[in-house]
C-alpha cells in the first residue's frame, strides 16, 4: 500500500470535475483504489450534467455503493450530521458533507474550494487538492511531469483557477527549498 492509499479519502465535486474535464479519472483511480464521495457530491455531479457539463458523465458509471473505486459514503453518526449542518452555514452541501465525514473519521479531504480548505484547516482535517494529486501522481510515476503540466493546462482552459502556473515549476521550487 502506498502513502496515497494509507488513509481513507473523501472527495468533493471540484476534484472529480477537474479530472473528468481532461478525461483523466484514471489518475485518481490509480492513486486511490477507493475514493469516497457523499450523496451530496453525487447530486452536484448530476446537477452539473443537467447544466450542460457533459464531461461529468465520465464519473457516473464509476459511482457505486459497495464496490468499485468511486464509492458512496454517508453519515454514520448524529455527530457527523450535526457537523454537516454547521458546515452548511459556510459551505455548499458537497463540501460540508465531505468535511464532516473527514473530520470525524480522520480521513483525507480532497477539495480545491478555498472556504472548505480554510474550514478544514481550522478543524485540523488533513487535506489535498488537484495540485497535490498531480504532484503525488508524478511522485508515484503514474504520470510524467510533462503530463502533469498538460493536465493542469487542460484544467485551466476549463476554468480551473490554479494557484500555480505549472507543476514542473512548483516541483522545482520544492526541490530547491528542500
Protein backbone atom coordinates (compact mmCIF):
# COMPACT_ATOMS: atom_id res chain seq x y z
CA UNK A 1 0.00 0.00 0.00
CA UNK A 2 1.47 3.36 -0.97
CA UNK A 3 1.16 6.56 1.06
CA UNK A 4 -1.72 7.88 -1.03
CA UNK A 5 -3.91 4.94 -0.05
CA UNK A 6 -2.76 4.60 3.56
CA UNK A 7 -5.60 6.83 4.70
CA UNK A 8 -9.20 6.79 3.54
CA UNK A 9 -10.12 9.76 1.36
CA UNK A 10 -13.32 11.64 0.62
CA UNK A 11 -13.53 13.98 -2.36
CA UNK A 12 -15.77 16.88 -3.16
CA UNK A 13 -17.02 17.72 -6.62
CA UNK A 14 -14.24 20.10 -7.71
CA UNK A 15 -11.54 17.42 -7.74
CA UNK A 16 -13.74 14.88 -9.58
CA UNK A 17 -14.75 17.63 -12.01
CA UNK A 18 -11.18 18.72 -12.78
CA UNK A 19 -10.03 15.20 -13.63
CA UNK A 20 -13.26 14.42 -15.54
CA UNK A 21 -12.79 17.58 -17.61
CA UNK A 22 -9.47 16.36 -19.01
CA UNK A 23 -10.56 12.72 -19.33
CA UNK A 24 -8.11 11.56 -16.65
CA UNK A 25 -10.19 9.98 -13.89
CA UNK A 26 -7.66 7.15 -14.21
CA UNK A 27 -5.15 9.28 -12.30
CA UNK A 28 -7.49 9.39 -9.32
CA UNK A 29 -8.23 5.67 -9.64
CA UNK A 30 -4.52 4.79 -9.76
CA UNK A 31 -3.78 6.88 -6.66
CA UNK A 32 -6.91 6.00 -4.71
CA UNK A 33 -8.15 2.46 -5.33
CA UNK A 34 -11.14 3.50 -3.21
CA UNK A 35 -12.18 7.15 -3.23
CA UNK A 36 -15.32 8.08 -1.34
CA UNK A 37 -17.89 10.69 -2.28
CA UNK A 38 -21.06 11.65 -0.45
CA UNK A 39 -24.60 11.55 -1.86
CA UNK A 40 -24.45 15.36 -1.88
CA UNK A 41 -21.41 15.25 -4.18
CA UNK A 42 -23.19 12.75 -6.44
CA UNK A 43 -26.13 15.16 -6.65
CA UNK A 44 -23.78 18.04 -7.55
CA UNK A 45 -22.31 15.91 -10.34
CA UNK A 46 -25.81 15.11 -11.65
CA UNK A 47 -26.82 18.77 -11.40
CA UNK A 48 -23.67 19.71 -13.34
CA UNK A 49 -24.67 17.29 -16.09
CA UNK A 50 -28.14 18.83 -16.21
CA UNK A 51 -26.50 22.25 -16.56
CA UNK A 52 -24.52 21.07 -19.61
CA UNK A 53 -21.18 19.93 -18.18
CA UNK A 54 -21.17 16.73 -20.20
CA UNK A 55 -17.62 15.77 -19.18
CA UNK A 56 -19.03 14.85 -15.75
CA UNK A 57 -20.81 11.92 -17.39
CA UNK A 58 -17.49 10.02 -17.26
CA UNK A 59 -17.72 9.83 -13.45
CA UNK A 60 -21.25 8.39 -13.18
CA UNK A 61 -20.53 4.76 -14.17
CA UNK A 62 -17.81 4.60 -11.50
CA UNK A 63 -20.02 5.69 -8.59
CA UNK A 64 -21.05 2.55 -6.69
CA UNK A 65 -22.46 1.83 -3.27
CA UNK A 66 -20.22 -1.02 -2.13
CA UNK A 67 -17.78 -1.87 -4.93
CA UNK A 68 -15.50 -0.17 -7.41
CA UNK A 69 -13.13 2.70 -6.79
CA UNK A 70 -15.60 5.61 -6.51
CA UNK A 71 -17.90 4.77 -3.60
CA UNK A 72 -20.75 6.49 -1.86
CA UNK A 73 -20.38 7.14 1.84
CA UNK A 74 -22.93 8.75 4.13
CA UNK A 75 -23.13 9.90 7.72
CA UNK A 76 -22.91 7.17 10.35
CA UNK A 77 -23.42 9.23 13.49
CA UNK A 78 -25.50 12.10 14.74
CA UNK A 79 -22.26 14.00 15.40
CA UNK A 80 -21.28 13.79 11.72
CA UNK A 81 -24.73 15.01 10.72
CA UNK A 82 -24.60 17.87 13.23
CA UNK A 83 -21.21 18.95 11.87
CA UNK A 84 -22.67 18.82 8.36
CA UNK A 85 -25.48 21.19 9.36
CA UNK A 86 -22.95 23.50 11.00
CA UNK A 87 -20.64 23.46 7.96
CA UNK A 88 -23.61 24.16 5.64
CA UNK A 89 -23.70 27.67 7.13
CA UNK A 90 -20.41 28.38 5.31
CA UNK A 91 -20.17 25.79 2.52
CA UNK A 92 -22.21 24.11 -0.21
CA UNK A 93 -23.67 20.74 0.75
CA UNK A 94 -21.00 18.71 -1.09
CA UNK A 95 -18.09 20.38 0.67
CA UNK A 96 -19.93 20.37 4.01
CA UNK A 97 -20.73 16.66 3.85
CA UNK A 98 -17.18 15.69 2.89
CA UNK A 99 -15.68 17.87 5.60
CA UNK A 100 -18.00 16.43 8.26
CA UNK A 101 -17.01 12.88 7.36
CA UNK A 102 -13.29 13.67 7.05
CA UNK A 103 -13.29 15.45 10.41
CA UNK A 104 -14.98 12.71 12.41
CA UNK A 105 -13.30 9.74 10.72
CA UNK A 106 -9.84 11.27 10.39
CA UNK A 107 -9.93 10.89 6.61
CA UNK A 108 -8.07 12.89 3.99
CA UNK A 109 -10.28 15.55 2.38
CA UNK A 110 -9.78 16.29 -1.32
CA UNK A 111 -11.02 19.76 -2.25
CA UNK A 112 -9.99 22.88 -4.12
CA UNK A 113 -12.72 25.03 -2.59
CA UNK A 114 -10.96 27.79 -0.63
CA UNK A 115 -13.68 28.17 2.01
CA UNK A 116 -13.70 24.39 2.57
CA UNK A 117 -9.90 24.32 2.81
CA UNK A 118 -9.89 27.13 5.36
CA UNK A 119 -12.57 25.43 7.47
CA UNK A 120 -10.77 22.07 7.17
CA UNK A 121 -7.55 23.61 8.47
CA UNK A 122 -9.32 25.22 11.41
CA UNK A 123 -10.83 21.80 12.21
CA UNK A 124 -7.44 20.04 11.89
CA UNK A 125 -8.52 17.98 8.88
CA UNK A 126 -5.77 16.76 6.56
CA UNK A 127 -6.42 17.87 3.01
CA UNK A 128 -5.15 17.95 -0.53
CA UNK A 129 -6.47 19.12 -3.86
CA UNK A 130 -5.91 18.95 -7.58
CA UNK A 131 -2.34 20.29 -7.45
CA UNK A 132 -1.39 17.91 -4.63
CA UNK A 133 -2.89 15.00 -6.55
CA UNK A 134 -0.95 15.85 -9.71
CA UNK A 135 2.28 16.09 -7.69
CA UNK A 136 1.54 12.78 -5.97
CA UNK A 137 0.86 11.16 -9.35
CA UNK A 138 4.26 12.36 -10.58
CA UNK A 139 5.95 11.17 -7.38
CA UNK A 140 4.40 7.70 -7.80
CA UNK A 141 5.32 7.65 -11.52
CA UNK A 142 1.70 7.38 -12.59
CA UNK A 143 2.25 10.34 -14.92
CA UNK A 144 5.30 12.32 -16.00
CA UNK A 145 5.92 15.94 -15.04
CA UNK A 146 5.07 16.90 -18.63
CA UNK A 147 1.75 15.03 -18.38
CA UNK A 148 1.03 16.79 -15.10
CA UNK A 149 1.71 20.17 -16.73
CA UNK A 150 -0.51 19.27 -19.70
CA UNK A 151 -3.24 18.11 -17.33
CA UNK A 152 -3.06 21.40 -15.46
CA UNK A 153 -3.19 23.37 -18.72
CA UNK A 154 -6.33 21.47 -19.73
CA UNK A 155 -7.95 22.13 -16.38
CA UNK A 156 -7.12 25.84 -16.53
CA UNK A 157 -8.63 26.04 -20.04
CA UNK A 158 -11.77 24.59 -18.45
CA UNK A 159 -11.83 27.42 -15.87
CA UNK A 160 -9.91 25.79 -13.02
CA UNK A 161 -8.27 28.60 -11.08
CA UNK A 162 -4.89 27.11 -10.33
CA UNK A 163 -2.73 28.55 -7.58
CA UNK A 164 0.39 27.60 -9.59
CA UNK A 165 1.36 28.20 -13.21
CA UNK A 166 2.88 24.75 -13.75
CA UNK A 167 3.56 21.55 -11.87
CA UNK A 168 7.17 21.42 -13.11
CA UNK A 169 7.92 24.89 -11.70
CA UNK A 170 6.21 24.01 -8.43
CA UNK A 171 8.20 20.76 -8.08
CA UNK A 172 11.40 22.62 -8.99
CA UNK A 173 10.79 25.23 -6.25
CA UNK A 174 10.07 22.48 -3.69
CA UNK A 175 13.31 20.70 -4.62
CA UNK A 176 15.30 23.93 -4.35
CA UNK A 177 13.86 24.67 -0.89
CA UNK A 178 14.36 21.13 0.36
